[in-house]
Amino acid sequence: MSHTILLAQPTKRPECRTYAGYESVNEYMEGVCKMYEEHLKRMNPNSPSITYDISQLFDFIDDLADISCLVYRSRGPVEG
């Protein structure tokens, strides 16, 4: 079992801090993509479809004031 928490602060303003929980790292990565897609929709409200490439996603992540990922993984019994 694993649990992943996204901590994000899009701008320097502390009141814009946010967090989200996910059941896996894959879901977390999808959540980061969705966060970028929502940003693109806000920036382009009249565009019927929006496309982007991985370098634009990386630029978005780099421009965030702060982003962190916490991952909890339970382990099986310790042997030995």
Protein backbone atom coordinates (compact mmCIF):
# COMPACT_ATOMS: atom_id res chain seq x y z
CA MET A 1 0.00 0.00 0.00
CA SER A 2 1.19 3.51 -0.72
CA HIS A 3 -0.18 7.00 -0.28
CA THR A 4 1.13 10.14 -1.93
CA ILE A 5 0.53 13.78 -0.97
CA LEU A 6 1.08 16.74 -3.29
CA LEU A 7 1.97 20.04 -1.60
CA ALA A 8 1.95 22.97 -4.02
CA GLN A 9 2.29 26.73 -3.85
CA PRO A 10 1.76 28.17 -7.34
CA THR A 11 2.77 31.75 -6.41
CA LYS A 12 4.75 33.45 -3.65
CA ARG A 13 1.50 34.23 -1.79
CA PRO A 14 1.15 31.81 1.17
CA GLU A 15 -2.66 31.85 0.95
CA CYS A 16 -2.50 30.05 -2.42
CA ARG A 17 -0.94 26.91 -0.89
CA THR A 18 -2.82 23.73 -1.62
CA TYR A 19 -2.54 19.99 -1.13
CA ALA A 20 -4.06 16.82 -2.55
CA GLY A 21 -3.86 13.14 -1.66
CA TYR A 22 -3.43 10.26 -4.09
CA GLU A 23 -3.34 6.48 -3.76
CA SER A 24 -0.19 6.06 -5.86
CA VAL A 25 2.71 7.96 -7.38
CA ASN A 26 1.13 7.42 -10.82
CA GLU A 27 -2.06 9.12 -9.65
CA TYR A 28 0.07 11.92 -8.18
CA MET A 29 1.77 12.47 -11.57
CA GLU A 30 -1.64 12.57 -13.25
CA GLY A 31 -2.69 15.13 -10.63
CA VAL A 32 0.27 17.37 -11.50
CA CYS A 33 -0.67 17.14 -15.19
CA LYS A 34 -4.28 17.97 -14.32
CA MET A 35 -3.11 20.99 -12.29
CA TYR A 36 -1.25 22.24 -15.39
CA GLU A 37 -4.23 21.56 -17.64
CA GLU A 38 -6.49 23.56 -15.30
CA HIS A 39 -3.95 26.40 -15.42
CA LEU A 40 -4.01 26.29 -19.24
CA LYS A 41 -7.83 26.39 -19.24
CA ARG A 42 -7.80 29.47 -17.00
CA MET A 43 -5.24 31.17 -19.27
CA ASN A 44 -7.14 30.21 -22.47
CA PRO A 45 -10.85 30.22 -21.54
CA ASN A 46 -12.09 30.54 -25.13
CA SER A 47 -9.96 27.75 -26.59
CA PRO A 48 -11.99 24.61 -27.38
CA SER A 49 -8.95 22.35 -27.03
CA ILE A 50 -5.53 22.77 -25.50
CA THR A 51 -2.39 20.83 -26.30
CA TYR A 52 1.05 20.92 -24.71
CA ASP A 53 4.29 19.01 -24.72
CA ILE A 54 6.39 17.68 -21.87
CA SER A 55 8.82 20.61 -21.96
CA GLN A 56 5.94 23.04 -21.33
CA LEU A 57 4.81 20.93 -18.38
CA PHE A 58 8.35 20.96 -16.98
CA ASP A 59 8.51 24.76 -17.39
CA PHE A 60 5.23 25.08 -15.47
CA ILE A 61 6.57 22.92 -12.64
CA ASP A 62 9.83 24.90 -12.57
CA ASP A 63 7.87 28.17 -12.33
CA LEU A 64 5.86 27.09 -9.28
CA ALA A 65 6.92 28.86 -6.09
CA ASP A 66 7.08 25.46 -4.35
CA ILE A 67 6.05 21.87 -4.98
CA SER A 68 6.67 18.79 -2.84
CA CYS A 69 5.69 15.15 -2.88
CA LEU A 70 5.40 12.97 0.22
CA VAL A 71 5.18 9.21 -0.36
CA TYR A 72 4.25 6.62 2.26
CA ARG A 73 4.86 2.97 1.45
CA SER A 74 3.99 0.24 3.88
CA ARG A 75 6.43 -2.63 3.85
CA GLY A 76 5.89 -6.26 4.54
CA PRO A 77 7.30 -8.00 7.60
CA VAL A 78 11.00 -7.54 8.23
CA GLU A 79 12.91 -10.76 7.70
CA GLY A 80 16.03 -11.77 9.50
